[in-house]
Amino acid sequence: MKIVVLTNGFVLVCRTYTIVDGHLHMTSVRCIRAWGTAQGLGQLVNGPTSDTRLDTMIPVVAAPLHSLVFNFDIVESAWASHI
């Protein structure tokens, strides 16, 4: 699982992440509407806080590769019930 940051302020959490033909292909995607953290985005590595707000899950999302700002791995067991 990963947190993916895209241009225009989109922060997503997804189950899988691959690059195909210049696009990011993500599955089981939820937009992180509000981080709900006191120590920044990295605090979500170990799961959402009680104040984290997630949008409804989207089964598959594709975004142009050039929109990727950065991404990082998250603890799957901490996020499994949220995705």
Protein backbone atom coordinates (compact mmCIF):
# COMPACT_ATOMS: atom_id res chain seq x y z
CA MET A 1 0.00 0.00 0.00
CA LYS A 2 1.11 3.54 -0.69
CA ILE A 3 0.29 7.16 -0.14
CA VAL A 4 0.62 8.97 -3.46
CA VAL A 5 0.86 12.75 -3.76
CA LEU A 6 -0.16 14.24 -7.10
CA THR A 7 -0.08 17.78 -8.43
CA ASN A 8 -2.91 20.14 -7.57
CA GLY A 9 -2.93 18.93 -3.97
CA PHE A 10 -4.36 15.45 -4.45
CA VAL A 11 -3.20 13.02 -1.75
CA LEU A 12 -4.34 9.44 -2.31
CA VAL A 13 -4.00 6.17 -0.46
CA CYS A 14 -4.07 3.04 -2.64
CA ARG A 15 -3.70 -0.71 -2.41
CA THR A 16 -1.58 -1.17 -5.55
CA TYR A 17 0.43 1.14 -7.75
CA THR A 18 1.96 0.41 -11.16
CA ILE A 19 3.25 2.48 -14.06
CA VAL A 20 1.89 1.57 -17.49
CA ASP A 21 2.38 3.56 -20.69
CA GLY A 22 3.22 6.80 -18.91
CA HIS A 23 0.34 6.57 -16.43
CA LEU A 24 0.04 5.66 -12.77
CA HIS A 25 -2.51 2.90 -12.32
CA MET A 26 -3.80 2.64 -8.77
CA THR A 27 -6.39 0.29 -7.28
CA SER A 28 -8.63 0.63 -4.22
CA VAL A 29 -8.02 4.37 -4.08
CA ARG A 30 -9.28 6.84 -1.49
CA CYS A 31 -8.52 10.53 -1.52
CA ILE A 32 -7.27 11.77 1.85
CA ARG A 33 -9.52 14.80 2.28
CA ALA A 34 -8.03 15.83 5.65
CA TRP A 35 -4.81 14.41 7.04
CA GLY A 36 -5.85 14.89 10.66
CA THR A 37 -2.22 14.90 11.78
CA ALA A 38 -0.13 17.02 14.13
CA GLN A 39 3.20 15.94 12.59
CA GLY A 40 2.55 16.07 8.85
CA LEU A 41 1.70 13.53 6.20
CA GLY A 42 4.38 11.07 7.31
CA GLN A 43 2.41 10.45 10.49
CA LEU A 44 -0.06 8.45 8.36
CA VAL A 45 2.50 5.70 7.65
CA ASN A 46 1.09 3.80 10.63
CA GLY A 47 -2.56 4.34 9.71
CA PRO A 48 -5.08 7.15 9.74
CA THR A 49 -5.68 9.20 12.88
CA SER A 50 -9.12 9.67 14.39
CA ASP A 51 -9.25 13.03 12.59
CA THR A 52 -8.20 11.73 9.15
CA ARG A 53 -11.00 12.06 6.60
CA LEU A 54 -11.14 9.78 3.55
CA ASP A 55 -13.36 10.07 0.47
CA THR A 56 -15.34 7.13 -0.86
CA MET A 57 -13.21 4.41 -2.43
CA ILE A 58 -12.68 4.42 -6.20
CA PRO A 59 -11.81 0.94 -7.59
CA VAL A 60 -9.30 2.10 -10.25
CA VAL A 61 -7.62 5.45 -10.89
CA ALA A 62 -5.18 6.34 -13.67
CA ALA A 63 -3.19 9.58 -13.62
CA PRO A 64 -0.48 10.87 -15.96
CA LEU A 65 2.97 10.00 -14.64
CA HIS A 66 4.04 13.65 -14.80
CA SER A 67 1.46 14.44 -12.08
CA LEU A 68 3.35 12.36 -9.49
CA VAL A 69 5.06 14.51 -6.87
CA PHE A 70 6.12 11.69 -4.51
CA ASN A 71 4.88 8.49 -2.88
CA PHE A 72 5.75 6.34 0.10
CA ASP A 73 4.91 2.94 1.54
CA ILE A 74 2.49 2.62 4.42
CA VAL A 75 1.86 -0.16 6.94
CA GLU A 76 -0.66 -2.42 5.23
CA SER A 77 -2.13 -3.89 8.41
CA ALA A 78 -2.79 -0.37 9.76
CA TRP A 79 -4.67 0.69 6.62
CA ALA A 80 -6.35 -2.59 5.58
CA SER A 81 -9.70 -1.84 7.21
CA HIS A 82 -9.81 1.61 5.57
CA ILE A 83 -9.25 0.53 1.97
